[in-house]
């Protein structure tokens, strides 16, 4: 019997849901993204679809909700971020990043594969 899936969060963009899915999977939880294709192909239909849904088996809901609560940027990725003003910003925390930096000065996030923040220039 298939486990019942429960929507634990909804997103405006499929990429936001995928990032949250990967975070849940990194903690050993099973997660699924629903309606991403519909929203991608019919972007104006995002409201009709109810957004892109992050779903987990019913038994994983408490753990998923705890992880999302502990990481507000996963639950609402645009809440703490300023509007797109053309300023380069960290993809992890939203802090302003100097154009030449390879690591965020606020949180240490880096897009360099395998690089540690202390190894990156910036």
N, C-alpha and C. Protein backbone atom coordinates (compact mmCIF):
# COMPACT_ATOMS: atom_id res chain seq x y z
N UNK A 1 0.84 -1.18 0.00
CA UNK A 1 0.00 0.00 0.00
C UNK A 1 0.88 1.24 0.00
N UNK A 2 0.55 2.17 -0.86
CA UNK A 2 1.29 3.42 -0.96
C UNK A 2 1.04 4.28 0.27
N UNK A 3 2.10 4.93 0.77
CA UNK A 3 1.89 5.83 1.91
C UNK A 3 1.13 7.07 1.47
N UNK A 4 0.32 7.61 2.37
CA UNK A 4 -0.41 8.84 2.09
C UNK A 4 0.58 10.00 2.13
N UNK A 5 0.55 10.84 1.08
CA UNK A 5 1.43 12.00 1.02
C UNK A 5 0.71 13.22 1.55
N UNK A 6 1.45 14.02 2.31
CA UNK A 6 0.90 15.23 2.91
C UNK A 6 1.75 16.41 2.43
N UNK A 7 1.08 17.48 2.00
CA UNK A 7 1.78 18.70 1.60
C UNK A 7 2.21 19.45 2.85
N UNK A 8 3.53 19.67 2.98
CA UNK A 8 4.05 20.38 4.16
C UNK A 8 4.40 21.83 3.85
N UNK A 9 4.50 22.17 2.56
CA UNK A 9 4.82 23.55 2.19
C UNK A 9 4.51 23.73 0.71
N UNK A 10 4.18 24.94 0.32
CA UNK A 10 3.97 25.25 -1.10
C UNK A 10 4.90 26.39 -1.50
N UNK A 11 5.26 26.41 -2.77
CA UNK A 11 6.21 27.38 -3.30
C UNK A 11 5.70 27.97 -4.59
N UNK A 12 6.20 29.13 -4.93
CA UNK A 12 5.83 29.79 -6.17
C UNK A 12 6.64 29.24 -7.34
N UNK A 13 7.88 28.82 -7.08
CA UNK A 13 8.77 28.36 -8.14
C UNK A 13 9.23 26.93 -7.86
N UNK A 14 9.30 26.09 -8.89
CA UNK A 14 9.73 24.71 -8.71
C UNK A 14 11.12 24.58 -8.08
N UNK A 15 12.03 25.47 -8.41
CA UNK A 15 13.39 25.38 -7.86
C UNK A 15 13.37 25.51 -6.34
N UNK A 16 12.52 26.38 -5.81
CA UNK A 16 12.43 26.53 -4.36
C UNK A 16 11.99 25.22 -3.71
N UNK A 17 11.03 24.56 -4.32
CA UNK A 17 10.55 23.28 -3.78
C UNK A 17 11.63 22.22 -3.86
N UNK A 18 12.39 22.21 -4.96
CA UNK A 18 13.46 21.22 -5.11
C UNK A 18 14.55 21.41 -4.06
N UNK A 19 14.89 22.66 -3.76
CA UNK A 19 15.90 22.93 -2.73
C UNK A 19 15.43 22.39 -1.38
N UNK A 20 14.18 22.64 -1.04
CA UNK A 20 13.63 22.13 0.22
C UNK A 20 13.59 20.60 0.21
N UNK A 21 13.23 20.01 -0.92
CA UNK A 21 13.20 18.55 -1.05
C UNK A 21 14.59 17.98 -0.78
N UNK A 22 15.61 18.56 -1.38
CA UNK A 22 16.97 18.08 -1.18
C UNK A 22 17.39 18.20 0.28
N UNK A 23 16.97 19.27 0.94
CA UNK A 23 17.30 19.46 2.36
C UNK A 23 16.65 18.37 3.21
N UNK A 24 15.39 18.04 2.91
CA UNK A 24 14.71 16.97 3.66
C UNK A 24 15.38 15.63 3.39
N UNK A 25 15.72 15.37 2.14
CA UNK A 25 16.37 14.11 1.80
C UNK A 25 17.74 13.99 2.45
N UNK A 26 18.43 15.11 2.59
CA UNK A 26 19.74 15.10 3.25
C UNK A 26 19.62 14.68 4.72
N UNK A 27 18.44 14.87 5.29
CA UNK A 27 18.19 14.48 6.68
C UNK A 27 17.57 13.08 6.77
N UNK A 28 17.52 12.38 5.64
CA UNK A 28 17.01 11.01 5.62
C UNK A 28 15.51 10.87 5.42
N UNK A 29 14.84 11.98 5.10
CA UNK A 29 13.39 11.93 4.88
C UNK A 29 13.11 11.72 3.39
N UNK A 30 11.99 11.09 3.10
CA UNK A 30 11.54 10.93 1.73
C UNK A 30 10.65 12.13 1.40
N UNK A 31 10.89 12.75 0.26
CA UNK A 31 10.12 13.94 -0.11
C UNK A 31 9.84 13.92 -1.61
N UNK A 32 8.75 14.56 -1.98
CA UNK A 32 8.32 14.64 -3.37
C UNK A 32 7.91 16.08 -3.68
N UNK A 33 8.06 16.45 -4.94
CA UNK A 33 7.60 17.75 -5.41
C UNK A 33 6.44 17.49 -6.38
N UNK A 34 5.30 18.12 -6.12
CA UNK A 34 4.12 17.95 -6.97
C UNK A 34 3.77 19.25 -7.68
N UNK A 35 3.27 19.13 -8.87
CA UNK A 35 2.77 20.23 -9.71
C UNK A 35 3.87 21.13 -10.28
N UNK A 36 5.13 20.70 -10.21
CA UNK A 36 6.22 21.51 -10.75
C UNK A 36 6.09 21.66 -12.26
N UNK A 37 5.75 20.57 -12.96
CA UNK A 37 5.64 20.63 -14.41
C UNK A 37 4.49 21.56 -14.83
N UNK A 38 3.38 21.48 -14.14
CA UNK A 38 2.24 22.33 -14.46
C UNK A 38 2.62 23.80 -14.31
N UNK A 39 3.25 24.12 -13.19
CA UNK A 39 3.62 25.52 -12.93
C UNK A 39 4.68 25.98 -13.93
N UNK A 40 5.61 25.10 -14.29
CA UNK A 40 6.65 25.46 -15.24
C UNK A 40 6.05 25.74 -16.62
N UNK A 41 5.12 24.91 -17.04
CA UNK A 41 4.54 25.05 -18.37
C UNK A 41 3.44 26.09 -18.44
N UNK A 42 2.77 26.30 -17.34
CA UNK A 42 1.65 27.25 -17.30
C UNK A 42 1.87 28.19 -16.13
N UNK A 43 2.93 29.01 -16.19
CA UNK A 43 3.33 29.81 -15.04
C UNK A 43 2.18 30.63 -14.46
N UNK A 44 1.32 31.13 -15.32
CA UNK A 44 0.20 31.91 -14.80
C UNK A 44 -0.79 31.03 -14.06
N UNK A 45 -0.64 29.72 -14.19
CA UNK A 45 -1.52 28.79 -13.50
C UNK A 45 -1.04 28.42 -12.11
N UNK A 46 0.02 29.08 -11.62
CA UNK A 46 0.55 28.74 -10.30
C UNK A 46 -0.53 28.88 -9.23
N UNK A 47 -1.38 29.88 -9.34
CA UNK A 47 -2.45 30.04 -8.37
C UNK A 47 -3.49 28.94 -8.50
N UNK A 48 -3.80 28.58 -9.74
CA UNK A 48 -4.80 27.53 -9.97
C UNK A 48 -4.31 26.19 -9.42
N UNK A 49 -3.02 25.95 -9.50
CA UNK A 49 -2.45 24.69 -9.01
C UNK A 49 -2.26 24.72 -7.50
N UNK A 50 -2.37 25.89 -6.91
CA UNK A 50 -2.11 26.00 -5.48
C UNK A 50 -0.63 26.04 -5.17
N UNK A 51 0.18 26.37 -6.16
CA UNK A 51 1.62 26.43 -5.98
C UNK A 51 2.28 25.08 -6.22
N UNK A 52 3.59 25.06 -6.12
CA UNK A 52 4.36 23.83 -6.22
C UNK A 52 4.40 23.25 -4.81
N UNK A 53 4.04 22.00 -4.69
CA UNK A 53 3.87 21.39 -3.37
C UNK A 53 5.04 20.50 -2.98
N UNK A 54 5.50 20.67 -1.76
CA UNK A 54 6.49 19.78 -1.16
C UNK A 54 5.71 18.79 -0.31
N UNK A 55 5.84 17.50 -0.64
CA UNK A 55 5.06 16.48 0.05
C UNK A 55 5.96 15.43 0.66
N UNK A 56 5.51 14.90 1.79
CA UNK A 56 6.21 13.82 2.47
C UNK A 56 5.19 12.77 2.91
N UNK A 57 5.64 11.54 3.14
CA UNK A 57 4.72 10.54 3.70
C UNK A 57 4.18 11.03 5.04
N UNK A 58 2.96 10.65 5.32
CA UNK A 58 2.29 11.11 6.55
C UNK A 58 3.14 10.86 7.79
N UNK A 59 3.86 9.76 7.83
CA UNK A 59 4.67 9.43 9.00
C UNK A 59 5.87 10.37 9.18
N UNK A 60 6.27 11.07 8.11
CA UNK A 60 7.43 11.98 8.17
C UNK A 60 7.04 13.44 8.39
N UNK A 61 5.74 13.72 8.50
CA UNK A 61 5.29 15.11 8.63
C UNK A 61 5.92 15.82 9.83
N UNK A 62 5.91 15.24 11.04
CA UNK A 62 6.51 15.97 12.17
C UNK A 62 7.98 16.33 11.96
N UNK A 63 8.75 15.38 11.45
CA UNK A 63 10.18 15.64 11.22
C UNK A 63 10.38 16.69 10.13
N UNK A 64 9.58 16.61 9.06
CA UNK A 64 9.69 17.58 7.97
C UNK A 64 9.32 18.97 8.45
N UNK A 65 8.24 19.07 9.21
CA UNK A 65 7.81 20.38 9.72
C UNK A 65 8.86 20.97 10.67
N UNK A 66 9.48 20.12 11.47
CA UNK A 66 10.53 20.60 12.39
C UNK A 66 11.72 21.13 11.60
N UNK A 67 12.11 20.43 10.54
CA UNK A 67 13.23 20.87 9.72
C UNK A 67 12.90 22.18 9.02
N UNK A 68 11.70 22.29 8.49
CA UNK A 68 11.30 23.54 7.82
C UNK A 68 11.23 24.70 8.82
N UNK A 69 10.75 24.43 10.02
CA UNK A 69 10.67 25.47 11.05
C UNK A 69 12.06 25.93 11.48
N UNK A 70 13.00 24.99 11.50
CA UNK A 70 14.36 25.33 11.91
C UNK A 70 15.12 26.08 10.82
N UNK A 71 14.62 26.01 9.58
CA UNK A 71 15.25 26.67 8.44
C UNK A 71 14.21 27.50 7.71
N UNK A 72 13.88 28.69 8.21
CA UNK A 72 12.82 29.50 7.61
C UNK A 72 13.02 29.78 6.13
N UNK A 73 14.26 29.83 5.66
CA UNK A 73 14.47 30.09 4.23
C UNK A 73 13.99 28.94 3.37
N UNK A 74 13.86 27.74 3.94
CA UNK A 74 13.31 26.61 3.19
C UNK A 74 11.80 26.69 3.12
N UNK A 75 11.18 27.14 4.19
CA UNK A 75 9.73 27.21 4.24
C UNK A 75 9.18 28.39 3.44
N UNK A 76 9.92 29.49 3.42
CA UNK A 76 9.49 30.67 2.69
C UNK A 76 10.73 31.37 2.15
N UNK A 77 11.25 30.87 1.02
CA UNK A 77 12.55 31.35 0.55
C UNK A 77 12.63 32.82 0.20
N UNK A 78 11.53 33.48 -0.03
CA UNK A 78 11.62 34.90 -0.39
C UNK A 78 11.24 35.84 0.75
N UNK A 79 10.88 35.31 1.91
CA UNK A 79 10.40 36.16 3.00
C UNK A 79 11.45 37.14 3.51
N UNK A 80 12.68 36.67 3.69
CA UNK A 80 13.71 37.52 4.26
C UNK A 80 14.60 38.17 3.21
N UNK A 81 14.26 38.00 1.96
CA UNK A 81 15.13 38.51 0.91
C UNK A 81 14.54 39.78 0.30
N UNK A 82 15.40 40.73 0.04
CA UNK A 82 14.91 41.95 -0.60
C UNK A 82 14.51 41.67 -2.04
N UNK A 83 13.74 42.57 -2.59
CA UNK A 83 13.36 42.45 -4.00
C UNK A 83 14.60 42.51 -4.86
N UNK A 84 14.51 41.98 -6.06
CA UNK A 84 15.66 41.99 -6.96
C UNK A 84 16.00 43.42 -7.35
N UNK A 85 17.09 43.91 -6.78
CA UNK A 85 17.50 45.28 -7.03
C UNK A 85 18.78 45.34 -7.85
N UNK A 86 19.18 44.18 -8.42
CA UNK A 86 20.38 44.12 -9.24
C UNK A 86 21.66 43.94 -8.44
N UNK A 87 21.58 43.93 -7.12
CA UNK A 87 22.75 43.75 -6.27
C UNK A 87 23.01 42.24 -6.12
N UNK A 88 24.25 41.79 -6.33
CA UNK A 88 24.54 40.36 -6.15
C UNK A 88 24.30 39.96 -4.69
N UNK A 89 23.56 38.86 -4.51
CA UNK A 89 23.23 38.42 -3.16
C UNK A 89 23.55 36.94 -3.01
N UNK A 90 23.85 36.56 -1.79
CA UNK A 90 24.11 35.16 -1.45
C UNK A 90 22.84 34.34 -1.69
N UNK A 91 22.98 33.20 -2.33
CA UNK A 91 21.83 32.33 -2.58
C UNK A 91 21.38 31.60 -1.32
N UNK A 92 22.21 31.60 -0.29
CA UNK A 92 21.84 30.92 0.94
C UNK A 92 21.15 31.84 1.93
N UNK A 93 21.75 33.02 2.20
CA UNK A 93 21.20 33.88 3.25
C UNK A 93 20.67 35.22 2.74
N UNK A 94 20.97 35.57 1.48
CA UNK A 94 20.48 36.82 0.92
C UNK A 94 21.35 38.03 1.19
N UNK A 95 22.46 37.85 1.87
CA UNK A 95 23.35 38.97 2.17
C UNK A 95 23.99 39.50 0.88
N UNK A 96 24.35 40.78 0.89
CA UNK A 96 25.03 41.37 -0.26
C UNK A 96 26.39 40.72 -0.42
N UNK A 97 26.70 40.33 -1.67
CA UNK A 97 28.00 39.72 -1.97
C UNK A 97 28.79 40.61 -2.91
N UNK A 98 30.03 40.91 -2.57
CA UNK A 98 30.87 41.64 -3.52
C UNK A 98 30.98 40.83 -4.81
N UNK A 99 31.00 41.49 -5.93
CA UNK A 99 31.02 40.80 -7.23
C UNK A 99 32.20 39.84 -7.37
N UNK A 100 33.33 40.16 -6.79
CA UNK A 100 34.52 39.32 -6.94
C UNK A 100 34.58 38.20 -5.91
N UNK A 101 33.68 38.17 -4.94
CA UNK A 101 33.72 37.17 -3.87
C UNK A 101 33.28 35.80 -4.37
N UNK A 102 33.90 34.77 -3.82
CA UNK A 102 33.50 33.40 -4.14
C UNK A 102 32.81 32.75 -2.95
N UNK A 103 32.78 33.45 -1.81
CA UNK A 103 32.10 32.96 -0.62
C UNK A 103 31.37 34.13 0.03
N UNK A 104 30.24 33.84 0.63
CA UNK A 104 29.45 34.88 1.28
C UNK A 104 30.16 35.38 2.53
N UNK A 105 30.32 36.69 2.69
CA UNK A 105 30.98 37.21 3.88
C UNK A 105 30.13 37.03 5.14
N UNK A 106 28.82 36.82 4.99
CA UNK A 106 27.95 36.67 6.16
C UNK A 106 27.84 35.24 6.65
N UNK A 107 27.63 34.29 5.71
CA UNK A 107 27.38 32.91 6.14
C UNK A 107 28.42 31.91 5.65
N UNK A 108 29.28 32.32 4.72
CA UNK A 108 30.32 31.43 4.23
C UNK A 108 29.90 30.55 3.06
N UNK A 109 28.63 30.63 2.63
CA UNK A 109 28.18 29.81 1.50
C UNK A 109 29.03 30.10 0.28
N UNK A 110 29.31 29.04 -0.50
CA UNK A 110 30.08 29.20 -1.72
C UNK A 110 29.51 28.32 -2.81
N UNK A 111 29.54 28.81 -4.02
CA UNK A 111 29.09 28.02 -5.16
C UNK A 111 30.20 27.11 -5.69
N UNK A 112 31.40 27.24 -5.15
CA UNK A 112 32.52 26.42 -5.59
C UNK A 112 32.37 25.00 -5.05
N UNK A 113 32.41 24.02 -5.92
CA UNK A 113 32.27 22.62 -5.50
C UNK A 113 33.40 22.22 -4.57
N UNK A 114 33.03 21.73 -3.42
CA UNK A 114 34.00 21.19 -2.48
C UNK A 114 34.84 22.23 -1.77
N UNK A 115 34.65 23.49 -2.04
CA UNK A 115 35.45 24.52 -1.40
C UNK A 115 34.91 24.82 -0.02
N UNK A 116 35.81 25.01 0.92
CA UNK A 116 35.42 25.41 2.26
C UNK A 116 35.46 26.94 2.30
N UNK A 117 34.55 27.57 3.05
CA UNK A 117 34.52 29.04 3.09
C UNK A 117 35.87 29.66 3.40
N UNK A 118 36.65 29.02 4.29
CA UNK A 118 37.93 29.60 4.65
C UNK A 118 38.97 29.47 3.53
N UNK A 119 38.71 28.57 2.54
CA UNK A 119 39.62 28.39 1.42
C UNK A 119 39.31 29.34 0.27
N UNK A 120 38.11 29.89 0.26
CA UNK A 120 37.67 30.74 -0.85
C UNK A 120 38.22 32.15 -0.71
N UNK A 121 38.43 32.76 -1.84
CA UNK A 121 38.87 34.15 -1.83
C UNK A 121 37.65 35.04 -1.62
N UNK A 122 37.83 36.19 -1.08
CA UNK A 122 36.71 37.11 -0.97
C UNK A 122 36.71 37.92 0.21
